[in-house]
Structures are given as C-alpha cells and as structure tokens.
C-alpha cells in the first residue's frame, strides 16, 4: 500500500495541488491528500475528533482520520527566513541582545496557526510532521544571501522542534540567491473550494513549475523522515 501524506495549507497549496495532479507517475509512489483554507481564514482550520475540520478546499470528497496518514505536512503561515531577517534587522538596530532575539524568533514561530496545528496533529497521529514557511516573495523585500539564509533556516529548525522544518529547495533561488521569478509568473492559489489561477497576481504565490519544485522537496523530506523513523524503530 502506498504511503499516504496529508498536506494542510493556505492558498499556497494551489500550486502544489496542481503540480500533484499533473505529476502522474512522478509522485514517487505516494498518495497525497490536500486540505486548505486561504490565508486570512487558515486559523479556523482545526483537528477535531481525529479529522481535519473547517478546511474549505479538499482534494477528497470524504475526509479520512488523520491517524490514517503516514506523514503530515503544513504549508501556511510559518514565518519565512525573509520574515525573520526583517525582524532581526530591527532588533540589531535597537541593540537587542542575542537572548532577546532568540526568544522573539521562538515566539514568532510558536504563535502561528501552523505550530498550533502541528501540536494537535501530534496528539491525533504521532507520525512525522513537516512544516514549511510561507513563501518568500519574488522579488524579495530584502536581500538575504546564502550564508544568512542558512543561518535563518537553522533558527527555524530549532524553534519548530520537536517537529521538522522543511526549507525551500535550493533550485528555487537564482545565482544571486533570490527567488527565481520563473516559479512565480502565472501563479496559482485556492479560492474557496477550488484551486486555480491567482487573480491577484501578487508576489507570494507560485505557479505549477514552482509547485513541482515544492512537491519534490516535500516528497523527499517525507521519504527521509519515514526512513529515519524506520531505522530508529529497528
């Protein structure tokens, strides 16, 4: 039986779901179910009685218990490395201490709907949970650079623990380490119970090409998590 993944997200999953539908045999043997609600209402998504509740968008006609999934992925409102760097720059200008900045990052992470949902999923399922940040804008609001980006990813990994933080794939970035606009042009999102073209044409949603990139990163991350879990249990 193919491993089954539950992806819960905001409007970012529009590109991901579209890429999954088009992937066919390139899904690496995984079955993926998607549940979503646009960002402004994502906080209303809940885990209740073992099911995902209040998700307007669903790739399934009938929900199944979250305990049926082998891994769970959340892709919604977790701060991005870009978000963290903006806040940390303000802290440095104000001469804030390193301890204060670490506490601030932790609070930014743990007050998100994504982290709250991860805690509920852990109680209901006990399987690997992977969390992605919200998308980095293209063009970005600030320049990061590879070294800064890596340090911010490390901060997010520590703050998200005991869950796993899944960073954006390197292929998303240009040689100058900016999000490649090829993955954002003609972007997709979800509106209500449907996935499709992003009418707002903002800088934050990806297209199907970007969705393919993110889908591969998620499947690779889930595969690593399941293999690690298997080796620990042996």
Protein backbone atom coordinates (compact mmCIF):
# COMPACT_ATOMS: atom_id res chain seq x y z
CA UNK A 1 0.00 0.00 0.00
CA UNK A 2 1.38 3.43 -0.95
CA UNK A 3 2.38 5.75 1.89
CA UNK A 4 -0.24 8.47 2.35
CA UNK A 5 0.57 12.10 3.10
CA UNK A 6 -1.76 14.76 4.45
CA UNK A 7 -0.93 18.32 3.33
CA UNK A 8 -2.75 21.11 5.17
CA UNK A 9 -2.15 24.64 3.97
CA UNK A 10 -3.24 28.08 3.00
CA UNK A 11 -3.63 29.35 -0.57
CA UNK A 12 0.00 28.33 -1.25
CA UNK A 13 -1.17 24.76 -1.82
CA UNK A 14 -2.91 25.77 -5.07
CA UNK A 15 0.36 25.42 -6.99
CA UNK A 16 1.27 22.28 -5.07
CA UNK A 17 -2.06 20.56 -5.71
CA UNK A 18 -1.99 21.46 -9.41
CA UNK A 19 1.53 20.06 -9.73
CA UNK A 20 0.46 16.86 -7.94
CA UNK A 21 -2.49 16.33 -10.28
CA UNK A 22 -0.18 16.69 -13.29
CA UNK A 23 2.67 14.60 -11.84
CA UNK A 24 1.19 11.17 -12.60
CA UNK A 25 3.88 8.51 -12.17
CA UNK A 26 6.34 11.11 -10.86
CA UNK A 27 4.74 11.04 -7.41
CA UNK A 28 7.32 8.55 -6.08
CA UNK A 29 4.57 6.12 -5.05
CA UNK A 30 2.97 8.49 -2.55
CA UNK A 31 -0.73 9.29 -2.24
CA UNK A 32 -1.26 12.89 -1.15
CA UNK A 33 -4.46 14.45 0.16
CA UNK A 34 -4.78 18.23 0.36
CA UNK A 35 -6.83 20.32 2.78
CA UNK A 36 -6.72 24.09 2.63
CA UNK A 37 -8.15 27.41 3.55
CA UNK A 38 -6.99 30.78 2.24
CA UNK A 39 -4.53 32.59 4.48
CA UNK A 40 -7.00 35.03 6.02
CA UNK A 41 -9.07 32.16 7.39
CA UNK A 42 -6.41 29.49 7.88
CA UNK A 43 -6.53 29.89 11.68
CA UNK A 44 -10.02 28.42 11.58
CA UNK A 45 -8.67 25.02 10.47
CA UNK A 46 -8.80 22.56 13.36
CA UNK A 47 -8.20 18.91 14.22
CA UNK A 48 -11.34 17.69 15.94
CA UNK A 49 -12.36 14.10 16.70
CA UNK A 50 -9.36 12.97 14.66
CA UNK A 51 -10.38 14.78 11.43
CA UNK A 52 -9.33 17.97 9.67
CA UNK A 53 -12.15 20.47 10.17
CA UNK A 54 -13.04 23.87 8.64
CA UNK A 55 -10.94 23.39 5.52
CA UNK A 56 -12.87 24.88 2.59
CA UNK A 57 -10.64 23.20 -0.01
CA UNK A 58 -10.21 19.42 -0.02
CA UNK A 59 -8.88 17.08 -2.70
CA UNK A 60 -11.08 14.32 -1.23
CA UNK A 61 -14.84 14.04 -1.35
CA UNK A 62 -14.80 12.35 2.05
CA UNK A 63 -12.28 13.10 4.78
CA UNK A 64 -10.39 10.29 6.47
CA UNK A 65 -8.96 10.29 10.02
CA UNK A 66 -5.56 11.97 10.34
CA UNK A 67 -4.31 8.80 12.04
CA UNK A 68 -4.61 7.11 8.62
CA UNK A 69 -1.71 9.18 7.25
CA UNK A 70 1.94 8.17 7.32
CA UNK A 71 3.18 11.78 7.40
CA UNK A 72 1.69 15.24 7.78
CA UNK A 73 2.80 18.48 6.12
CA UNK A 74 1.77 22.04 7.00
CA UNK A 75 2.35 24.84 4.48
CA UNK A 76 0.75 28.08 5.62
CA UNK A 77 1.76 30.89 7.97
CA UNK A 78 5.11 29.84 9.45
CA UNK A 79 7.47 32.86 9.15
CA UNK A 80 9.84 32.66 6.21
CA UNK A 81 13.59 33.30 6.51
CA UNK A 82 12.86 36.68 4.91
CA UNK A 83 10.31 37.48 7.64
CA UNK A 84 12.80 36.58 10.37
CA UNK A 85 15.58 38.67 8.86
CA UNK A 86 13.36 41.74 8.67
CA UNK A 87 12.57 41.47 12.38
CA UNK A 88 16.15 40.64 13.38
CA UNK A 89 17.50 43.66 11.50
CA UNK A 90 15.18 45.88 13.51
CA UNK A 91 16.41 44.19 16.69
CA UNK A 92 20.05 44.79 15.76
CA UNK A 93 19.34 48.45 15.04
CA UNK A 94 17.81 48.66 18.51
CA UNK A 95 20.87 46.85 20.00
CA UNK A 96 18.70 44.00 21.30
CA UNK A 97 20.52 41.13 22.99
CA UNK A 98 21.03 37.76 21.32
CA UNK A 99 18.90 36.14 24.02
CA UNK A 100 16.03 38.51 23.28
CA UNK A 101 16.25 37.83 19.55
CA UNK A 102 16.16 34.06 20.12
CA UNK A 103 13.09 34.45 22.33
CA UNK A 104 11.45 36.62 19.69
CA UNK A 105 12.04 34.06 16.94
CA UNK A 106 10.63 31.33 19.17
CA UNK A 107 7.51 33.41 19.85
CA UNK A 108 7.05 34.22 16.14
CA UNK A 109 7.10 30.50 15.36
CA UNK A 110 5.04 29.16 18.23
CA UNK A 111 2.18 31.64 17.94
CA UNK A 112 1.43 30.59 14.34
CA UNK A 113 -1.59 28.57 13.32
CA UNK A 114 0.89 26.13 11.74
CA UNK A 115 2.56 25.34 15.06
CA UNK A 116 -0.76 25.07 16.88
CA UNK A 117 -1.99 22.67 14.21
CA UNK A 118 1.22 20.62 14.46
CA UNK A 119 0.61 20.14 18.19
CA UNK A 120 -2.95 18.94 17.52
CA UNK A 121 -1.75 16.58 14.77
CA UNK A 122 0.93 15.13 17.04
CA UNK A 123 -1.73 14.26 19.61
CA UNK A 124 -4.02 12.70 17.00
CA UNK A 125 -1.45 10.90 14.84
CA UNK A 126 2.09 10.58 16.22
CA UNK A 127 3.59 10.35 12.71
CA UNK A 128 6.28 12.64 11.23
CA UNK A 129 5.20 16.29 10.93
CA UNK A 130 6.95 18.63 8.50
CA UNK A 131 6.35 22.39 8.47
CA UNK A 132 7.17 24.78 5.64
CA UNK A 133 7.39 28.55 5.81
CA UNK A 134 5.08 30.83 3.93
CA UNK A 135 6.57 31.71 0.58
CA UNK A 136 9.42 34.15 0.15
CA UNK A 137 8.22 36.98 -2.09
CA UNK A 138 9.52 37.37 -5.64
CA UNK A 139 11.10 39.83 -5.99
CA UNK A 140 12.08 39.61 -2.31
CA UNK A 141 11.55 42.50 0.08
CA UNK A 142 15.16 42.22 1.27
CA UNK A 143 18.32 40.53 0.00
CA UNK A 144 19.42 37.58 2.13
CA UNK A 145 22.45 35.87 0.63
CA UNK A 146 23.18 32.17 1.05
CA UNK A 147 25.04 32.33 4.37
CA UNK A 148 22.35 34.46 6.02
CA UNK A 149 19.64 32.23 4.60
CA UNK A 150 21.30 29.11 6.02
CA UNK A 151 21.61 30.68 9.48
CA UNK A 152 17.92 31.65 9.42
CA UNK A 153 16.93 28.11 8.40
CA UNK A 154 18.92 26.80 11.38
CA UNK A 155 16.99 29.17 13.67
CA UNK A 156 13.69 27.95 12.28
CA UNK A 157 14.69 24.32 12.73
CA UNK A 158 15.45 24.92 16.40
CA UNK A 159 12.28 26.92 17.00
CA UNK A 160 10.00 24.41 15.23
CA UNK A 161 11.33 21.40 17.17
CA UNK A 162 10.14 18.77 18.05
CA UNK A 163 8.62 18.95 14.56
CA UNK A 164 10.69 19.10 11.36
CA UNK A 165 11.25 22.30 9.42
CA UNK A 166 11.45 21.78 5.65
CA UNK A 167 13.39 24.59 3.93
CA UNK A 168 12.79 25.78 0.41
CA UNK A 169 14.76 23.80 -2.20
CA UNK A 170 17.94 25.43 -3.46
CA UNK A 171 16.62 25.26 -7.04
CA UNK A 172 14.08 27.95 -6.11
CA UNK A 173 16.84 30.56 -5.99
CA UNK A 174 18.91 32.30 -8.65
CA UNK A 175 22.70 32.62 -8.52
CA UNK A 176 22.20 35.82 -6.51
CA UNK A 177 20.10 33.81 -4.08
CA UNK A 178 16.81 35.49 -4.90
CA UNK A 179 13.63 33.55 -5.68
CA UNK A 180 13.61 32.83 -9.40
CA UNK A 181 10.65 34.70 -10.97
CA UNK A 182 10.10 31.76 -13.36
CA UNK A 183 8.43 29.92 -10.48
CA UNK A 184 6.02 32.78 -9.69
CA UNK A 185 4.77 34.02 -13.08
CA UNK A 186 1.15 32.97 -13.69
CA UNK A 187 0.74 31.99 -10.05
CA UNK A 188 -1.92 29.66 -8.61
CA UNK A 189 -3.82 29.65 -5.33
CA UNK A 190 -7.07 28.42 -3.81
CA UNK A 191 -10.31 30.36 -3.63
CA UNK A 192 -12.99 28.74 -1.53
CA UNK A 193 -13.16 25.09 -2.53
CA UNK A 194 -11.25 25.41 -5.83
CA UNK A 195 -7.62 25.69 -6.92
CA UNK A 196 -6.76 27.82 -9.91
CA UNK A 197 -5.22 30.97 -11.33
CA UNK A 198 -4.33 33.61 -8.79
CA UNK A 199 -6.41 36.61 -9.81
CA UNK A 200 -4.49 38.96 -7.50
CA UNK A 201 -1.15 38.31 -9.26
CA UNK A 202 0.78 39.06 -6.11
CA UNK A 203 4.44 38.26 -5.46
CA UNK A 204 3.87 35.45 -2.97
CA UNK A 205 2.22 32.57 -4.83
CA UNK A 206 3.96 30.12 -7.16
CA UNK A 207 2.92 28.65 -10.48
CA UNK A 208 2.76 24.97 -11.43
CA UNK A 209 6.51 24.92 -12.12
CA UNK A 210 7.15 26.18 -8.61
CA UNK A 211 4.58 23.71 -7.33
CA UNK A 212 6.53 20.85 -8.91
CA UNK A 213 9.67 22.04 -7.19
CA UNK A 214 7.93 22.25 -3.82
CA UNK A 215 6.19 18.89 -4.32
CA UNK A 216 9.52 17.16 -4.92
CA UNK A 217 11.00 18.83 -1.83
CA UNK A 218 8.05 17.63 0.25
CA UNK A 219 8.16 14.06 -1.05
CA UNK A 220 11.94 13.92 -0.49
CA UNK A 221 11.52 15.34 3.02
CA UNK A 222 8.77 12.85 3.88
CA UNK A 223 10.83 9.98 2.49
CA UNK A 224 13.79 11.00 4.67
CA UNK A 225 11.56 11.32 7.73
CA UNK A 226 9.96 7.90 7.21
CA UNK A 227 13.31 6.22 6.62
CA UNK A 228 14.75 7.84 9.75
CA UNK A 229 11.72 6.73 11.75
CA UNK A 230 12.06 3.19 10.39
CA UNK A 231 15.77 2.94 11.25
CA UNK A 232 15.13 4.18 14.81
CA UNK A 233 12.41 1.56 15.37
CA UNK A 234 14.59 -1.32 14.15
